[in-house]
Amino acid sequence: MAITSHDVARLAGVSQPTVSRALRDDPRVSVATREKVRRAAQALNYVPSEAGRTLSTRSTRRIGVIVTDLTNPFYPHVVAPLHDELQRLGYRMMLLTERSDEAVAEEKLLDQSLDGVVLATATTDSRLPAQLDRRGMPYVFLNRDTGGSGDYASVVDNEGGGRLVADVLVGLGHRRIAGIFGAANTTTGRERELGFRLALADAGIGLPADRVVRGAFEYDTGYRALPALLEAAEAPTAVFCGNDVVAIGVLNAALAAGLRVPDDLTVIGFDDLPMAAWEVFRLTTVRHDLRELSRQAARLLVRRIDGDADPAGERLVLPTEFVPRATHARLH
């Protein structure tokens, strides 16, 4: 006769639901109880049935993570800790990759095979959040959200980070300043630009159109933008980039143009990816806690699934800090 979770419960001296929770490392079960249940399961050679669990609870214990830009080095650094935190909470992560959110919805999310979804590359004009709402599918935004009320999101203080950069550049004496920002349909792009502009305005410094570029958060955006910025009526002495990947593109373009960084041009990024600290770059940037960004998204989604999240929405915002390295300098 097959061993069941009820047999494990009797041996461990706990209830059957406690066995299920303990074996998926549910944090609501104490460490001591989880260990006791594991010892009982090992003694009985018990192997949990995922199919049986799904049928009995109508829960698949699977979370879909939607990333439409896998070529961006930013995303591996948030997907890995997201996976680890979801696993700790008793869920399996499924990475869903398409060229757009809508394509993912059409192909992957209509078969009720997921308990929830993490939207990691959302845009403000995406129809996917509304589709998920109509189907009653819990979801959270990671890094980007819609910018509207009622979102469940784990994000960064992008506006504050943009202000930090502007204040530093003004303090270094720069007045001819350029910005290479993210796409206009991303909250990260909009908010970083807004904070940057507002702080420059406070200092009486404008940001003319010929010193502004918007584009995807990728290397080519920075590499192609710098030559155009250098042709402006007044070429910039400093460039704020929407993220570190864009900034690395600018660094390479500056090298190709024969410019010395930071003597001829100050370059500042955003995110503080691990490679920003490499000796070959030593990029001055804005830091936030990449791992916690992902971990709090996982916890928020599980609370939504369990019905414990605020029904009015929750927007969890991580602080930023300026990280001085070798690509910024005082204007001579």
C-alpha atoms as a PDB file:
ATOM      1  CA  MET A   1       0.000   0.000   0.000  1.00  0.00           C
ATOM      2  CA  ALA A   2       1.342   3.454  -0.948  1.00  0.00           C
ATOM      3  CA  ILE A   3       2.471   5.766   1.828  1.00  0.00           C
ATOM      4  CA  THR A   4       0.390   8.955   2.019  1.00  0.00           C
ATOM      5  CA  SER A   5       0.802  12.342   3.667  1.00  0.00           C
ATOM      6  CA  HIS A   6      -1.678  11.177   6.329  1.00  0.00           C
ATOM      7  CA  ASP A   7       0.823   8.464   7.343  1.00  0.00           C
ATOM      8  CA  VAL A   8       3.562  11.098   7.598  1.00  0.00           C
ATOM      9  CA  ALA A   9       1.261  13.283   9.681  1.00  0.00           C
ATOM     10  CA  ARG A  10       0.568  10.472  12.165  1.00  0.00           C
ATOM     11  CA  LEU A  11       4.252   9.656  12.544  1.00  0.00           C
ATOM     12  CA  ALA A  12       5.233  13.308  12.959  1.00  0.00           C
ATOM     13  CA  GLY A  13       2.329  14.079  15.271  1.00  0.00           C
ATOM     14  CA  VAL A  14       0.984  16.936  13.158  1.00  0.00           C
ATOM     15  CA  SER A  15      -1.997  17.550  10.897  1.00  0.00           C
ATOM     16  CA  GLN A  16      -2.004  16.545   7.240  1.00  0.00           C
ATOM     17  CA  PRO A  17      -2.148  20.210   6.027  1.00  0.00           C
ATOM     18  CA  THR A  18       0.923  20.904   8.165  1.00  0.00           C
ATOM     19  CA  VAL A  19       2.766  18.113   6.346  1.00  0.00           C
ATOM     20  CA  SER A  20       1.927  19.680   2.980  1.00  0.00           C
ATOM     21  CA  ARG A  21       3.057  23.105   4.112  1.00  0.00           C
ATOM     22  CA  ALA A  22       6.214  21.809   5.782  1.00  0.00           C
ATOM     23  CA  LEU A  23       7.349  19.839   2.734  1.00  0.00           C
ATOM     24  CA  ARG A  24       7.142  22.937   0.553  1.00  0.00           C
ATOM     25  CA  ASP A  25       9.064  25.017   3.127  1.00  0.00           C
ATOM     26  CA  ASP A  26       6.127  27.281   3.899  1.00  0.00           C
ATOM     27  CA  PRO A  27       7.566  29.940   6.277  1.00  0.00           C
ATOM     28  CA  ARG A  28       4.377  29.791   8.353  1.00  0.00           C
ATOM     29  CA  VAL A  29       5.556  26.422   9.663  1.00  0.00           C
ATOM     30  CA  SER A  30       8.340  26.586  12.246  1.00  0.00           C
ATOM     31  CA  VAL A  31      11.782  25.290  11.356  1.00  0.00           C
ATOM     32  CA  ALA A  32      11.543  22.638  14.077  1.00  0.00           C
ATOM     33  CA  THR A  33       8.233  21.341  12.747  1.00  0.00           C
ATOM     34  CA  ARG A  34       9.491  21.314   9.182  1.00  0.00           C
ATOM     35  CA  GLU A  35      12.485  19.251  10.251  1.00  0.00           C
ATOM     36  CA  LYS A  36      10.284  16.822  12.183  1.00  0.00           C
ATOM     37  CA  VAL A  37       8.035  16.333   9.144  1.00  0.00           C
ATOM     38  CA  ARG A  38      11.038  15.772   6.863  1.00  0.00           C
ATOM     39  CA  ARG A  39      12.430  13.101   9.188  1.00  0.00           C
ATOM     40  CA  ALA A  40       9.052  11.338   9.234  1.00  0.00           C
ATOM     41  CA  ALA A  41       8.792  11.505   5.442  1.00  0.00           C
ATOM     42  CA  GLN A  42      12.296  10.088   5.047  1.00  0.00           C
ATOM     43  CA  ALA A  43      11.574   7.291   7.503  1.00  0.00           C
ATOM     44  CA  LEU A  44       8.544   6.263   5.479  1.00  0.00           C
ATOM     45  CA  ASN A  45      10.171   6.848   2.062  1.00  0.00           C
ATOM     46  CA  TYR A  46       7.328   9.230   1.299  1.00  0.00           C
ATOM     47  CA  VAL A  47       7.452  11.201  -1.982  1.00  0.00           C
ATOM     48  CA  PRO A  48       4.849  14.000  -2.349  1.00  0.00           C
ATOM     49  CA  SER A  49       2.584  13.721  -5.354  1.00  0.00           C
ATOM     50  CA  GLU A  50       2.558  16.993  -7.279  1.00  0.00           C
ATOM     51  CA  ALA A  51      -0.415  15.860  -9.327  1.00  0.00           C
ATOM     52  CA  GLY A  52      -2.373  14.929  -6.221  1.00  0.00           C
ATOM     53  CA  ARG A  53      -1.514  18.228  -4.579  1.00  0.00           C
ATOM     54  CA  THR A  54      -2.750  20.131  -7.621  1.00  0.00           C
ATOM     55  CA  LEU A  55      -6.036  18.225  -7.745  1.00  0.00           C
ATOM     56  CA  SER A  56      -6.749  18.627  -4.057  1.00  0.00           C
ATOM     57  CA  THR A  57      -5.821  22.287  -3.733  1.00  0.00           C
ATOM     58  CA  ARG A  58      -6.489  23.529  -7.287  1.00  0.00           C
ATOM     59  CA  SER A  59      -3.027  25.016  -6.989  1.00  0.00           C
ATOM     60  CA  THR A  60      -0.190  24.221  -9.365  1.00  0.00           C
ATOM     61  CA  ARG A  61       2.501  25.848  -7.173  1.00  0.00           C
ATOM     62  CA  ARG A  62       3.887  27.358 -10.372  1.00  0.00           C
ATOM     63  CA  ILE A  63       4.628  31.008 -11.026  1.00  0.00           C
ATOM     64  CA  GLY A  64       5.170  32.426 -14.490  1.00  0.00           C
ATOM     65  CA  VAL A  65       7.831  35.117 -14.920  1.00  0.00           C
ATOM     66  CA  ILE A  66       7.457  37.120 -18.110  1.00  0.00           C
ATOM     67  CA  VAL A  67      10.633  38.621 -19.578  1.00  0.00           C
ATOM     68  CA  THR A  68      10.541  39.957 -23.130  1.00  0.00           C
ATOM     69  CA  ASP A  69      14.141  41.236 -23.193  1.00  0.00           C
ATOM     70  CA  LEU A  70      16.505  38.388 -22.319  1.00  0.00           C
ATOM     71  CA  THR A  71      19.421  40.068 -24.111  1.00  0.00           C
ATOM     72  CA  ASN A  72      19.526  42.762 -21.410  1.00  0.00           C
ATOM     73  CA  PRO A  73      22.147  41.838 -18.737  1.00  0.00           C
ATOM     74  CA  PHE A  74      19.891  43.400 -16.102  1.00  0.00           C
ATOM     75  CA  TYR A  75      17.387  40.551 -16.062  1.00  0.00           C
ATOM     76  CA  PRO A  76      19.568  37.575 -15.041  1.00  0.00           C
ATOM     77  CA  HIS A  77      20.434  39.526 -11.894  1.00  0.00           C
ATOM     78  CA  VAL A  78      16.765  39.795 -10.894  1.00  0.00           C
ATOM     79  CA  VAL A  79      15.512  36.444 -12.210  1.00  0.00           C
ATOM     80  CA  ALA A  80      17.981  34.369 -10.153  1.00  0.00           C
ATOM     81  CA  PRO A  81      17.002  35.792  -6.725  1.00  0.00           C
ATOM     82  CA  LEU A  82      13.347  35.695  -7.780  1.00  0.00           C
ATOM     83  CA  HIS A  83      13.686  31.971  -8.471  1.00  0.00           C
ATOM     84  CA  ASP A  84      15.364  31.376  -5.110  1.00  0.00           C
ATOM     85  CA  GLU A  85      12.751  33.294  -3.126  1.00  0.00           C
ATOM     86  CA  LEU A  86       9.827  31.608  -4.899  1.00  0.00           C
ATOM     87  CA  GLN A  87      11.430  28.232  -4.230  1.00  0.00           C
ATOM     88  CA  ARG A  88      11.778  29.134  -0.551  1.00  0.00           C
ATOM     89  CA  LEU A  89       8.084  29.990  -0.504  1.00  0.00           C
ATOM     90  CA  GLY A  90       7.174  26.630  -2.025  1.00  0.00           C
ATOM     91  CA  TYR A  91       6.686  27.608  -5.677  1.00  0.00           C
ATOM     92  CA  ARG A  92       8.321  26.627  -8.926  1.00  0.00           C
ATOM     93  CA  MET A  93       9.278  29.356 -11.368  1.00  0.00           C
ATOM     94  CA  MET A  94       8.562  29.120 -15.087  1.00  0.00           C
ATOM     95  CA  LEU A  95      10.348  31.654 -17.293  1.00  0.00           C
ATOM     96  CA  LEU A  96       8.108  32.766 -20.157  1.00  0.00           C
ATOM     97  CA  THR A  97       9.818  34.548 -23.032  1.00  0.00           C
ATOM     98  CA  GLU A  98       8.170  36.093 -26.067  1.00  0.00           C
ATOM     99  CA  ARG A  99       8.684  39.302 -28.019  1.00  0.00           C
ATOM    100  CA  SER A 100       5.732  40.985 -26.286  1.00  0.00           C
ATOM    101  CA  ASP A 101       3.518  40.601 -23.221  1.00  0.00           C
ATOM    102  CA  GLU A 102       0.507  40.047 -25.450  1.00  0.00           C
ATOM    103  CA  ALA A 103       2.167  37.105 -27.193  1.00  0.00           C
ATOM    104  CA  VAL A 104       2.811  35.490 -23.811  1.00  0.00           C
ATOM    105  CA  ALA A 105      -0.823  35.927 -22.818  1.00  0.00           C
ATOM    106  CA  GLU A 106      -2.070  34.393 -26.027  1.00  0.00           C
ATOM    107  CA  GLU A 107       0.252  31.397 -25.866  1.00  0.00           C
ATOM    108  CA  LYS A 108       0.846  30.589 -22.212  1.00  0.00           C
ATOM    109  CA  LEU A 109      -1.555  32.006 -19.661  1.00  0.00           C
ATOM    110  CA  LEU A 110      -5.004  30.898 -20.739  1.00  0.00           C
ATOM    111  CA  ASP A 111      -4.767  27.266 -19.648  1.00  0.00           C
ATOM    112  CA  GLN A 112      -4.867  27.925 -15.873  1.00  0.00           C
ATOM    113  CA  SER A 113      -1.509  26.187 -15.402  1.00  0.00           C
ATOM    114  CA  LEU A 114      -0.126  28.981 -13.208  1.00  0.00           C
ATOM    115  CA  ASP A 115      -1.000  30.302  -9.768  1.00  0.00           C
ATOM    116  CA  GLY A 116       0.382  33.765 -10.470  1.00  0.00           C
ATOM    117  CA  VAL A 117       2.545  35.880 -12.738  1.00  0.00           C
ATOM    118  CA  VAL A 118       5.493  38.257 -12.347  1.00  0.00           C
ATOM    119  CA  LEU A 119       5.630  40.943 -15.029  1.00  0.00           C
ATOM    120  CA  ALA A 120       9.269  41.963 -15.343  1.00  0.00           C
ATOM    121  CA  THR A 121       9.252  43.917 -18.614  1.00  0.00           C
ATOM    122  CA  ALA A 122       5.871  45.643 -18.538  1.00  0.00           C
ATOM    123  CA  THR A 123       5.181  48.790 -20.523  1.00  0.00           C
ATOM    124  CA  THR A 124       2.617  51.459 -19.744  1.00  0.00           C
ATOM    125  CA  ASP A 125       0.618  50.581 -22.867  1.00  0.00           C
ATOM    126  CA  SER A 126       0.558  46.798 -22.338  1.00  0.00           C
ATOM    127  CA  ARG A 127      -2.861  45.128 -22.415  1.00  0.00           C
ATOM    128  CA  LEU A 128      -1.661  42.121 -20.441  1.00  0.00           C
ATOM    129  CA  PRO A 129      -2.443  43.428 -16.903  1.00  0.00           C
ATOM    130  CA  ALA A 130      -6.077  44.047 -17.893  1.00  0.00           C
ATOM    131  CA  GLN A 131      -6.284  40.560 -19.408  1.00  0.00           C
ATOM    132  CA  LEU A 132      -4.935  39.014 -16.214  1.00  0.00           C
ATOM    133  CA  ASP A 133      -7.402  41.032 -14.111  1.00  0.00           C
ATOM    134  CA  ARG A 134     -10.321  39.765 -16.184  1.00  0.00           C
ATOM    135  CA  ARG A 135      -9.201  36.183 -15.644  1.00  0.00           C
ATOM    136  CA  GLY A 136      -8.621  36.625 -11.920  1.00  0.00           C
ATOM    137  CA  MET A 137      -4.921  35.764 -12.242  1.00  0.00           C
ATOM    138  CA  PRO A 138      -2.796  37.275  -9.420  1.00  0.00           C
ATOM    139  CA  TYR A 139       0.244  39.160 -10.678  1.00  0.00           C
ATOM    140  CA  VAL A 140       2.864  41.660  -9.581  1.00  0.00           C
ATOM    141  CA  PHE A 141       5.134  44.047 -11.425  1.00  0.00           C
ATOM    142  CA  LEU A 142       8.888  43.753 -10.989  1.00  0.00           C
ATOM    143  CA  ASN A 143      11.053  46.819 -11.731  1.00  0.00           C
ATOM    144  CA  ARG A 144       8.494  48.399 -14.081  1.00  0.00           C
ATOM    145  CA  ASP A 145       4.801  48.983 -13.476  1.00  0.00           C
ATOM    146  CA  THR A 146       2.008  50.973 -15.129  1.00  0.00           C
ATOM    147  CA  GLY A 147       2.415  54.064 -12.977  1.00  0.00           C
ATOM    148  CA  GLY A 148      -1.273  53.918 -12.068  1.00  0.00           C
ATOM    149  CA  SER A 149      -3.039  53.451  -8.751  1.00  0.00           C
ATOM    150  CA  GLY A 150      -3.873  49.939  -7.615  1.00  0.00           C
ATOM    151  CA  ASP A 151      -0.678  48.310  -8.883  1.00  0.00           C
ATOM    152  CA  TYR A 152       1.022  45.512  -6.973  1.00  0.00           C
ATOM    153  CA  ALA A 153       4.666  46.246  -7.655  1.00  0.00           C
ATOM    154  CA  SER A 154       8.245  45.993  -6.452  1.00  0.00           C
ATOM    155  CA  VAL A 155      10.060  48.989  -7.885  1.00  0.00           C
ATOM    156  CA  VAL A 156      12.908  51.438  -7.330  1.00  0.00           C
ATOM    157  CA  ASP A 157      12.804  55.118  -6.396  1.00  0.00           C
ATOM    158  CA  ASN A 158      13.613  56.058  -9.980  1.00  0.00           C
ATOM    159  CA  GLU A 159      12.696  59.706  -9.607  1.00  0.00           C
ATOM    160  CA  GLY A 160      14.878  60.015  -6.506  1.00  0.00           C
ATOM    161  CA  GLY A 161      17.758  58.322  -8.325  1.00  0.00           C
ATOM    162  CA  GLY A 162      17.471  60.778 -11.213  1.00  0.00           C
ATOM    163  CA  ARG A 163      17.581  63.656  -8.741  1.00  0.00           C
ATOM    164  CA  LEU A 164      20.729  62.243  -7.154  1.00  0.00           C
ATOM    165  CA  VAL A 165      22.556  62.267 -10.483  1.00  0.00           C
ATOM    166  CA  ALA A 166      21.470  65.799 -11.359  1.00  0.00           C
ATOM    167  CA  ASP A 167      22.577  67.109  -7.972  1.00  0.00           C
ATOM    168  CA  VAL A 168      26.006  65.508  -8.396  1.00  0.00           C
ATOM    169  CA  LEU A 169      26.493  66.911 -11.888  1.00  0.00           C
ATOM    170  CA  VAL A 170      25.451  70.396 -10.817  1.00  0.00           C
ATOM    171  CA  GLY A 171      27.803  70.184  -7.842  1.00  0.00           C
ATOM    172  CA  LEU A 172      30.659  69.274 -10.212  1.00  0.00           C
ATOM    173  CA  GLY A 173      30.032  72.416 -12.236  1.00  0.00           C
ATOM    174  CA  HIS A 174      28.448  70.823 -15.325  1.00  0.00           C
ATOM    175  CA  ARG A 175      25.916  72.926 -17.208  1.00  0.00           C
ATOM    176  CA  ARG A 176      25.885  71.350 -20.673  1.00  0.00           C
ATOM    177  CA  ILE A 177      24.271  68.085 -19.651  1.00  0.00           C
ATOM    178  CA  ALA A 178      22.645  65.376 -21.786  1.00  0.00           C
ATOM    179  CA  GLY A 179      20.303  62.509 -20.999  1.00  0.00           C
ATOM    180  CA  ILE A 180      19.918  59.151 -22.725  1.00  0.00           C
ATOM    181  CA  PHE A 181      16.708  57.862 -21.194  1.00  0.00           C
ATOM    182  CA  GLY A 182      14.655  54.717 -21.502  1.00  0.00           C
ATOM    183  CA  ALA A 183      11.664  54.301 -23.765  1.00  0.00           C
ATOM    184  CA  ALA A 184       8.780  56.689 -23.121  1.00  0.00           C
ATOM    185  CA  ASN A 185       6.381  53.777 -22.489  1.00  0.00           C
ATOM    186  CA  THR A 186       8.348  52.498 -19.481  1.00  0.00           C
ATOM    187  CA  THR A 187       7.940  53.855 -15.963  1.00  0.00           C
ATOM    188  CA  THR A 188      11.658  53.430 -15.331  1.00  0.00           C
ATOM    189  CA  GLY A 189      12.430  55.644 -18.315  1.00  0.00           C
ATOM    190  CA  ARG A 190       9.823  58.262 -17.448  1.00  0.00           C
ATOM    191  CA  GLU A 191      10.541  58.487 -13.736  1.00  0.00           C
ATOM    192  CA  ARG A 192      14.328  58.677 -14.024  1.00  0.00           C
ATOM    193  CA  GLU A 193      13.995  61.421 -16.622  1.00  0.00           C
ATOM    194  CA  LEU A 194      11.438  63.294 -14.502  1.00  0.00           C
ATOM    195  CA  GLY A 195      13.605  63.315 -11.380  1.00  0.00           C
ATOM    196  CA  PHE A 196      16.639  64.352 -13.412  1.00  0.00           C
ATOM    197  CA  ARG A 197      14.786  67.203 -15.133  1.00  0.00           C
ATOM    198  CA  LEU A 198      13.202  68.496 -11.938  1.00  0.00           C
ATOM    199  CA  ALA A 199      16.531  68.656 -10.090  1.00  0.00           C
ATOM    200  CA  LEU A 200      18.213  70.389 -13.036  1.00  0.00           C
ATOM    201  CA  ALA A 201      15.347  72.880 -13.189  1.00  0.00           C
ATOM    202  CA  ASP A 202      15.798  73.602  -9.478  1.00  0.00           C
ATOM    203  CA  ALA A 203      19.384  74.582 -10.354  1.00  0.00           C
ATOM    204  CA  GLY A 204      18.269  76.740 -13.283  1.00  0.00           C
ATOM    205  CA  ILE A 205      19.595  74.335 -15.915  1.00  0.00           C
ATOM    206  CA  GLY A 206      17.585  73.290 -18.942  1.00  0.00           C
ATOM    207  CA  LEU A 207      17.685  70.072 -20.940  1.00  0.00           C
ATOM    208  CA  PRO A 208      17.212  71.051 -24.604  1.00  0.00           C
ATOM    209  CA  ALA A 209      15.808  68.611 -27.129  1.00  0.00           C
ATOM    210  CA  ASP A 210      19.121  68.210 -28.967  1.00  0.00           C
ATOM    211  CA  ARG A 211      20.680  66.842 -25.774  1.00  0.00           C
ATOM    212  CA  VAL A 212      17.978  64.234 -25.120  1.00  0.00           C
ATOM    213  CA  VAL A 213      17.698  60.714 -26.559  1.00  0.00           C
ATOM    214  CA  ARG A 214      15.160  58.038 -25.641  1.00  0.00           C
ATOM    215  CA  GLY A 215      15.389  54.392 -26.563  1.00  0.00           C
ATOM    216  CA  ALA A 216      15.539  50.798 -25.414  1.00  0.00           C
ATOM    217  CA  PHE A 217      17.597  50.004 -22.324  1.00  0.00           C
ATOM    218  CA  GLU A 218      20.349  48.390 -24.362  1.00  0.00           C
ATOM    219  CA  TYR A 219      23.974  48.867 -25.395  1.00  0.00           C
ATOM    220  CA  ASP A 220      23.213  50.050 -28.929  1.00  0.00           C
ATOM    221  CA  THR A 221      21.071  52.903 -27.611  1.00  0.00           C
ATOM    222  CA  GLY A 222      24.057  54.420 -25.840  1.00  0.00           C
ATOM    223  CA  TYR A 223      26.586  53.626 -28.543  1.00  0.00           C
ATOM    224  CA  ARG A 224      24.496  55.226 -31.290  1.00  0.00           C
ATOM    225  CA  ALA A 225      23.265  58.176 -29.223  1.00  0.00           C
ATOM    226  CA  LEU A 226      26.580  59.707 -28.220  1.00  0.00           C
ATOM    227  CA  PRO A 227      27.750  60.730 -31.731  1.00  0.00           C
ATOM    228  CA  ALA A 228      24.432  62.545 -32.274  1.00  0.00           C
ATOM    229  CA  LEU A 229      24.703  64.305 -28.913  1.00  0.00           C
ATOM    230  CA  LEU A 230      28.224  65.466 -29.746  1.00  0.00           C
ATOM    231  CA  GLU A 231      26.795  67.232 -32.807  1.00  0.00           C
ATOM    232  CA  ALA A 232      24.416  69.350 -30.698  1.00  0.00           C
ATOM    233  CA  ALA A 233      24.746  73.142 -30.802  1.00  0.00           C
ATOM    234  CA  GLU A 234      26.567  72.846 -27.500  1.00  0.00           C
ATOM    235  CA  ALA A 235      28.084  69.401 -27.012  1.00  0.00           C
ATOM    236  CA  PRO A 236      27.551  67.988 -23.527  1.00  0.00           C
ATOM    237  CA  THR A 237      30.243  67.671 -20.909  1.00  0.00           C
ATOM    238  CA  ALA A 238      28.210  65.069 -18.989  1.00  0.00           C
ATOM    239  CA  VAL A 239      25.715  62.346 -19.914  1.00  0.00           C
ATOM    240  CA  PHE A 240      23.222  60.635 -17.605  1.00  0.00           C
ATOM    241  CA  CYS A 241      22.237  57.215 -18.958  1.00  0.00           C
ATOM    242  CA  GLY A 242      18.977  55.398 -18.248  1.00  0.00           C
ATOM    243  CA  ASN A 243      20.819  52.297 -17.081  1.00  0.00           C
ATOM    244  CA  ASP A 244      24.296  50.799 -16.855  1.00  0.00           C
ATOM    245  CA  VAL A 245      23.994  48.930 -20.154  1.00  0.00           C
ATOM    246  CA  VAL A 246      23.278  52.163 -22.016  1.00  0.00           C
ATOM    247  CA  ALA A 247      26.173  53.803 -20.141  1.00  0.00           C
ATOM    248  CA  ILE A 248      28.596  51.088 -21.269  1.00  0.00           C
ATOM    249  CA  GLY A 249      27.528  51.769 -24.842  1.00  0.00           C
ATOM    250  CA  VAL A 250      28.347  55.442 -24.271  1.00  0.00           C
ATOM    251  CA  LEU A 251      31.754  54.569 -22.819  1.00  0.00           C
ATOM    252  CA  ASN A 252      32.643  52.580 -25.915  1.00  0.00           C
ATOM    253  CA  ALA A 253      31.328  55.319 -28.223  1.00  0.00           C
ATOM    254  CA  ALA A 254      33.403  57.888 -26.356  1.00  0.00           C
ATOM    255  CA  LEU A 255      36.503  55.737 -26.818  1.00  0.00           C
ATOM    256  CA  ALA A 256      35.755  55.421 -30.530  1.00  0.00           C
ATOM    257  CA  ALA A 257      35.372  59.203 -30.767  1.00  0.00           C
ATOM    258  CA  GLY A 258      38.718  59.821 -29.086  1.00  0.00           C
ATOM    259  CA  LEU A 259      37.164  61.282 -25.922  1.00  0.00           C
ATOM    260  CA  ARG A 260      38.694  60.698 -22.518  1.00  0.00           C
ATOM    261  CA  VAL A 261      36.299  59.689 -19.732  1.00  0.00           C
ATOM    262  CA  PRO A 262      35.995  61.474 -17.359  1.00  0.00           C
ATOM    263  CA  ASP A 263      38.398  64.279 -18.466  1.00  0.00           C
ATOM    264  CA  ASP A 264      36.420  65.144 -21.603  1.00  0.00           C
ATOM    265  CA  LEU A 265      33.085  63.567 -20.729  1.00  0.00           C
ATOM    266  CA  THR A 266      31.392  62.464 -17.507  1.00  0.00           C
ATOM    267  CA  VAL A 267      29.209  59.356 -17.846  1.00  0.00           C
ATOM    268  CA  ILE A 268      26.805  58.103 -15.153  1.00  0.00           C
ATOM    269  CA  GLY A 269      24.592  55.008 -15.257  1.00  0.00           C
ATOM    270  CA  PHE A 270      21.789  53.499 -13.172  1.00  0.00           C
ATOM    271  CA  ASP A 271      21.269  50.095 -11.444  1.00  0.00           C
ATOM    272  CA  ASP A 272      24.830  49.187 -10.398  1.00  0.00           C
ATOM    273  CA  LEU A 273      24.948  45.858 -12.177  1.00  0.00           C
ATOM    274  CA  PRO A 274      27.918  43.739 -11.050  1.00  0.00           C
ATOM    275  CA  MET A 275      29.792  44.469 -14.270  1.00  0.00           C
ATOM    276  CA  ALA A 276      29.590  48.223 -13.565  1.00  0.00           C
ATOM    277  CA  ALA A 277      32.303  47.670 -10.931  1.00  0.00           C
ATOM    278  CA  TRP A 278      34.629  45.778 -13.295  1.00  0.00           C
ATOM    279  CA  GLU A 279      38.005  47.457 -13.633  1.00  0.00           C
ATOM    280  CA  VAL A 280      37.480  47.870 -17.375  1.00  0.00           C
ATOM    281  CA  PHE A 281      34.471  50.128 -16.706  1.00  0.00           C
ATOM    282  CA  ARG A 282      34.554  51.389 -13.097  1.00  0.00           C
ATOM    283  CA  LEU A 283      31.247  53.057 -13.909  1.00  0.00           C
ATOM    284  CA  THR A 284      29.837  55.775 -11.679  1.00  0.00           C
ATOM    285  CA  THR A 285      26.189  54.887 -11.203  1.00  0.00           C
ATOM    286  CA  VAL A 286      23.092  54.732  -9.000  1.00  0.00           C
ATOM    287  CA  ARG A 287      22.670  51.664  -6.829  1.00  0.00           C
ATOM    288  CA  HIS A 288      19.626  49.858  -5.527  1.00  0.00           C
ATOM    289  CA  ASP A 289      19.257  46.394  -4.016  1.00  0.00           C
ATOM    290  CA  LEU A 290      18.695  44.144  -7.042  1.00  0.00           C
ATOM    291  CA  ARG A 291      18.200  41.022  -4.946  1.00  0.00           C
ATOM    292  CA  GLU A 292      15.692  42.598  -2.593  1.00  0.00           C
ATOM    293  CA  LEU A 293      13.819  44.035  -5.572  1.00  0.00           C
ATOM    294  CA  SER A 294      13.130  40.458  -6.662  1.00  0.00           C
ATOM    295  CA  ARG A 295      12.603  38.965  -3.223  1.00  0.00           C
ATOM    296  CA  GLN A 296       9.940  41.457  -2.221  1.00  0.00           C
ATOM    297  CA  ALA A 297       8.162  40.907  -5.561  1.00  0.00           C
ATOM    298  CA  ALA A 298       8.003  37.169  -4.819  1.00  0.00           C
ATOM    299  CA  ARG A 299       6.677  37.727  -1.308  1.00  0.00           C
ATOM    300  CA  LEU A 300       4.081  40.216  -2.526  1.00  0.00           C
ATOM    301  CA  LEU A 301       2.805  37.823  -5.203  1.00  0.00           C
ATOM    302  CA  VAL A 302       2.449  34.964  -2.728  1.00  0.00           C
ATOM    303  CA  ARG A 303       0.491  37.275  -0.420  1.00  0.00           C
ATOM    304  CA  ARG A 304      -1.792  38.120  -3.350  1.00  0.00           C
ATOM    305  CA  ILE A 305      -2.305  34.432  -4.084  1.00  0.00           C
ATOM    306  CA  ASP A 306      -3.096  33.782  -0.413  1.00  0.00           C
ATOM    307  CA  GLY A 307      -5.482  36.736  -0.263  1.00  0.00           C
ATOM    308  CA  ASP A 308      -3.334  38.595   2.276  1.00  0.00           C
ATOM    309  CA  ALA A 309      -2.349  41.622   0.163  1.00  0.00           C
ATOM    310  CA  ASP A 310      -3.976  45.025   0.450  1.00  0.00           C
ATOM    311  CA  PRO A 311      -6.991  45.011  -1.931  1.00  0.00           C
ATOM    312  CA  ALA A 312      -6.201  48.622  -2.868  1.00  0.00           C
ATOM    313  CA  GLY A 313      -2.757  47.624  -4.232  1.00  0.00           C
ATOM    314  CA  GLU A 314       0.774  47.777  -2.837  1.00  0.00           C
ATOM    315  CA  ARG A 315       3.720  49.589  -4.443  1.00  0.00           C
ATOM    316  CA  LEU A 316       6.940  48.668  -2.639  1.00  0.00           C
ATOM    317  CA  VAL A 317       9.682  51.204  -3.422  1.00  0.00           C
ATOM    318  CA  LEU A 318      13.381  50.572  -2.772  1.00  0.00           C
ATOM    319  CA  PRO A 319      15.726  53.499  -2.063  1.00  0.00           C
ATOM    320  CA  THR A 320      18.676  54.466  -4.248  1.00  0.00           C
ATOM    321  CA  GLU A 321      22.194  55.684  -3.523  1.00  0.00           C
ATOM    322  CA  PHE A 322      24.916  57.327  -5.592  1.00  0.00           C
ATOM    323  CA  VAL A 323      27.996  55.164  -6.262  1.00  0.00           C
ATOM    324  CA  PRO A 324      31.056  57.221  -7.241  1.00  0.00           C
ATOM    325  CA  ARG A 325      33.667  55.405  -9.303  1.00  0.00           C
ATOM    326  CA  ALA A 326      35.898  56.539 -12.156  1.00  0.00           C
ATOM    327  CA  THR A 327      33.635  57.980 -14.895  1.00  0.00           C
ATOM    328  CA  HIS A 328      32.704  61.342 -13.379  1.00  0.00           C
ATOM    329  CA  ALA A 329      34.798  64.445 -12.745  1.00  0.00           C
ATOM    330  CA  ARG A 330      34.544  68.114 -11.945  1.00  0.00           C
ATOM    331  CA  LEU A 331      34.268  70.390 -14.964  1.00  0.00           C
ATOM    332  CA  HIS A 332      37.593  72.110 -15.623  1.00  0.00           C
END
